[in-house]
Amino acid sequence: MDGGLRSGDAGFSLLELMVSVAVLAVLAVGVGLSTGAVVPGAERDAQRFQRTFEQIWALAILARQEQGLEITPRGLSLSRRTAEGWEEARRLYDWRGQTRLVSSSPVPVGTPRIRLRSDGGTSAFTVSFSGGGETFRCASDGWSGLTCAPE
């Protein structure tokens, strides 16, 4: 009788390790989603808008193609510039609270109210997010980037 382990019995198999990593990943996503729900509506909307704005701004510069964001009281949509004009690509998400956009210059019909140009400039605007007793304001003058802060 051998009493010892054979070389094939030591350690974990690749399949066991992959299953363990998958379970941990699912748990991490669950924790991330549950902690994200604690943020009040206005602050969460402002944070999501700021992240999206920065990503689309970087995309416009890297792709050398003007991008657009359309803010409505219901949600945020992405638009892109084509040879024929502006086309709405897709709806990104809905707001949790109330949202109001003020553009500092008139916008032609069929053009998104926030335009992110390939040279790094944007249209000037102010967006107010309110809900849960809080109000956050995000603004851009067109060149110095986006700032978001509570009011």
Protein backbone atom coordinates (compact mmCIF):
# COMPACT_ATOMS: atom_id res chain seq x y z
CA MET A 1 0.00 0.00 0.00
CA ASP A 2 1.47 3.32 -1.10
CA GLY A 3 -0.05 5.88 1.32
CA GLY A 4 1.46 8.81 -0.66
CA LEU A 5 -0.02 10.94 -3.40
CA ARG A 6 0.64 10.25 -7.01
CA SER A 7 1.98 13.13 -9.05
CA GLY A 8 -1.35 13.49 -10.91
CA ASP A 9 -3.33 13.97 -7.65
CA ALA A 10 -1.43 17.00 -6.32
CA GLY A 11 -2.84 20.54 -6.71
CA PHE A 12 -5.86 21.79 -8.62
CA SER A 13 -6.85 21.13 -12.19
CA LEU A 14 -7.10 23.96 -14.68
CA LEU A 15 -10.87 23.52 -14.81
CA GLU A 16 -11.18 23.88 -11.03
CA LEU A 17 -9.12 27.08 -11.08
CA MET A 18 -11.21 28.53 -13.93
CA VAL A 19 -14.47 27.79 -12.10
CA SER A 20 -13.09 29.41 -8.93
CA VAL A 21 -12.06 32.54 -10.82
CA ALA A 22 -15.47 32.73 -12.52
CA VAL A 23 -17.29 32.47 -9.18
CA LEU A 24 -15.09 35.19 -7.67
CA ALA A 25 -15.71 37.43 -10.70
CA VAL A 26 -19.49 37.06 -10.35
CA LEU A 27 -19.26 37.88 -6.65
CA ALA A 28 -17.12 40.96 -7.38
CA VAL A 29 -19.64 42.23 -9.93
CA GLY A 30 -22.45 41.72 -7.42
CA VAL A 31 -20.58 43.69 -4.77
CA GLY A 32 -19.82 46.47 -7.26
CA LEU A 33 -23.45 46.75 -8.33
CA SER A 34 -24.77 46.74 -4.78
CA THR A 35 -22.39 49.48 -3.62
CA GLY A 36 -23.17 51.60 -6.70
CA ALA A 37 -26.85 51.68 -5.74
CA VAL A 38 -26.06 53.60 -2.53
CA VAL A 39 -25.16 56.78 -4.45
CA PRO A 40 -28.15 59.18 -4.62
CA GLY A 41 -29.78 59.76 -8.02
CA ALA A 42 -28.35 63.22 -8.77
CA GLU A 43 -24.79 62.32 -7.83
CA ARG A 44 -24.96 59.01 -9.70
CA ASP A 45 -26.31 60.71 -12.82
CA ALA A 46 -23.57 63.36 -12.66
CA GLN A 47 -20.85 60.71 -12.21
CA ARG A 48 -22.16 58.62 -15.09
CA PHE A 49 -22.42 61.67 -17.33
CA GLN A 50 -18.87 62.77 -16.46
CA ARG A 51 -17.44 59.29 -17.20
CA THR A 52 -19.37 59.04 -20.48
CA PHE A 53 -18.39 62.56 -21.53
CA GLU A 54 -14.70 61.82 -20.94
CA GLN A 55 -14.88 58.52 -22.85
CA ILE A 56 -16.69 60.02 -25.85
CA TRP A 57 -14.34 63.04 -25.82
CA ALA A 58 -11.33 60.68 -25.99
CA LEU A 59 -13.04 58.67 -28.73
CA ALA A 60 -13.61 61.81 -30.81
CA ILE A 61 -9.93 62.73 -30.57
CA LEU A 62 -8.57 59.22 -31.20
CA ALA A 63 -10.97 58.40 -34.04
CA ARG A 64 -10.66 61.92 -35.46
CA GLN A 65 -14.42 61.97 -35.86
CA GLU A 66 -16.83 64.42 -34.27
CA GLN A 67 -19.16 62.78 -31.72
CA GLY A 68 -22.31 64.06 -30.09
CA LEU A 69 -24.26 63.59 -26.88
CA GLU A 70 -27.96 64.37 -26.72
CA ILE A 71 -29.40 65.01 -23.29
CA THR A 72 -33.13 64.77 -22.85
CA PRO A 73 -35.16 64.72 -19.62
CA ARG A 74 -35.40 60.93 -20.10
CA GLY A 75 -31.81 59.93 -20.80
CA LEU A 76 -28.52 60.25 -22.67
CA SER A 77 -27.97 59.25 -26.31
CA LEU A 78 -24.82 59.02 -28.41
CA SER A 79 -24.72 60.49 -31.93
CA ARG A 80 -22.03 60.39 -34.55
CA ARG A 81 -21.27 62.55 -37.50
CA THR A 82 -21.50 60.94 -40.93
CA ALA A 83 -21.11 62.31 -44.44
CA GLU A 84 -24.92 62.78 -44.59
CA GLY A 85 -25.12 64.58 -41.22
CA TRP A 86 -25.75 63.44 -37.66
CA GLU A 87 -27.15 60.04 -36.89
CA GLU A 88 -28.22 58.83 -33.47
CA ALA A 89 -26.16 55.74 -32.78
CA ARG A 90 -27.81 54.50 -29.60
CA ARG A 91 -29.37 55.33 -26.28
CA LEU A 92 -26.77 54.98 -23.54
CA TYR A 93 -28.87 55.09 -20.36
CA ASP A 94 -31.80 56.68 -18.55
CA TRP A 95 -31.53 59.22 -15.74
CA ARG A 96 -32.53 58.37 -12.19
CA GLY A 97 -33.42 61.96 -11.27
CA GLN A 98 -34.32 65.14 -13.14
CA THR A 99 -31.95 66.60 -15.72
CA ARG A 100 -31.82 69.98 -17.41
CA LEU A 101 -29.41 71.09 -20.16
CA VAL A 102 -28.61 74.69 -21.03
CA SER A 103 -26.60 75.31 -24.21
CA SER A 104 -24.78 78.61 -24.42
CA SER A 105 -25.32 78.93 -28.17
CA PRO A 106 -28.17 78.03 -30.52
CA VAL A 107 -28.06 74.54 -31.97
CA PRO A 108 -29.23 73.80 -35.52
CA VAL A 109 -32.06 71.30 -35.91
CA GLY A 110 -30.79 67.72 -36.23
CA THR A 111 -27.54 68.49 -34.40
CA PRO A 112 -26.78 67.09 -30.92
CA ARG A 113 -26.64 69.77 -28.25
CA ILE A 114 -23.26 68.60 -26.98
CA ARG A 115 -20.67 68.18 -29.72
CA LEU A 116 -17.22 66.76 -29.05
CA ARG A 117 -14.83 67.73 -31.82
CA SER A 118 -11.77 65.83 -32.99
CA ASP A 119 -9.52 68.78 -32.02
CA GLY A 120 -10.47 68.37 -28.34
CA GLY A 121 -12.96 71.22 -28.19
CA THR A 122 -16.59 70.82 -27.24
CA SER A 123 -19.73 72.90 -27.35
CA ALA A 124 -20.27 75.03 -24.24
CA PHE A 125 -23.06 73.82 -21.96
CA THR A 126 -24.33 73.38 -18.41
CA VAL A 127 -26.22 70.32 -17.19
CA SER A 128 -28.03 70.19 -13.84
CA PHE A 129 -28.88 66.88 -12.19
CA SER A 130 -31.34 66.88 -9.30
CA GLY A 131 -32.86 64.16 -7.17
CA GLY A 132 -32.75 62.82 -3.66
CA GLY A 133 -32.59 66.35 -2.24
CA GLU A 134 -29.29 67.08 -4.02
CA THR A 135 -28.32 69.01 -7.14
CA PHE A 136 -25.13 68.54 -9.14
CA ARG A 137 -23.96 70.73 -11.97
CA CYS A 138 -21.63 69.76 -14.81
CA ALA A 139 -20.36 72.47 -17.14
CA SER A 140 -17.90 73.02 -19.98
CA ASP A 141 -16.85 76.28 -21.60
CA GLY A 142 -15.80 74.39 -24.71
CA TRP A 143 -12.02 74.23 -24.11
CA SER A 144 -11.09 73.70 -20.47
CA GLY A 145 -12.80 70.34 -20.01
CA LEU A 146 -15.75 69.29 -17.90
CA THR A 147 -16.25 70.16 -14.24
CA CYS A 148 -18.91 68.56 -12.04
CA ALA A 149 -19.72 69.70 -8.52
CA PRO A 150 -22.61 69.82 -6.06
CA GLU A 151 -24.62 73.06 -6.00
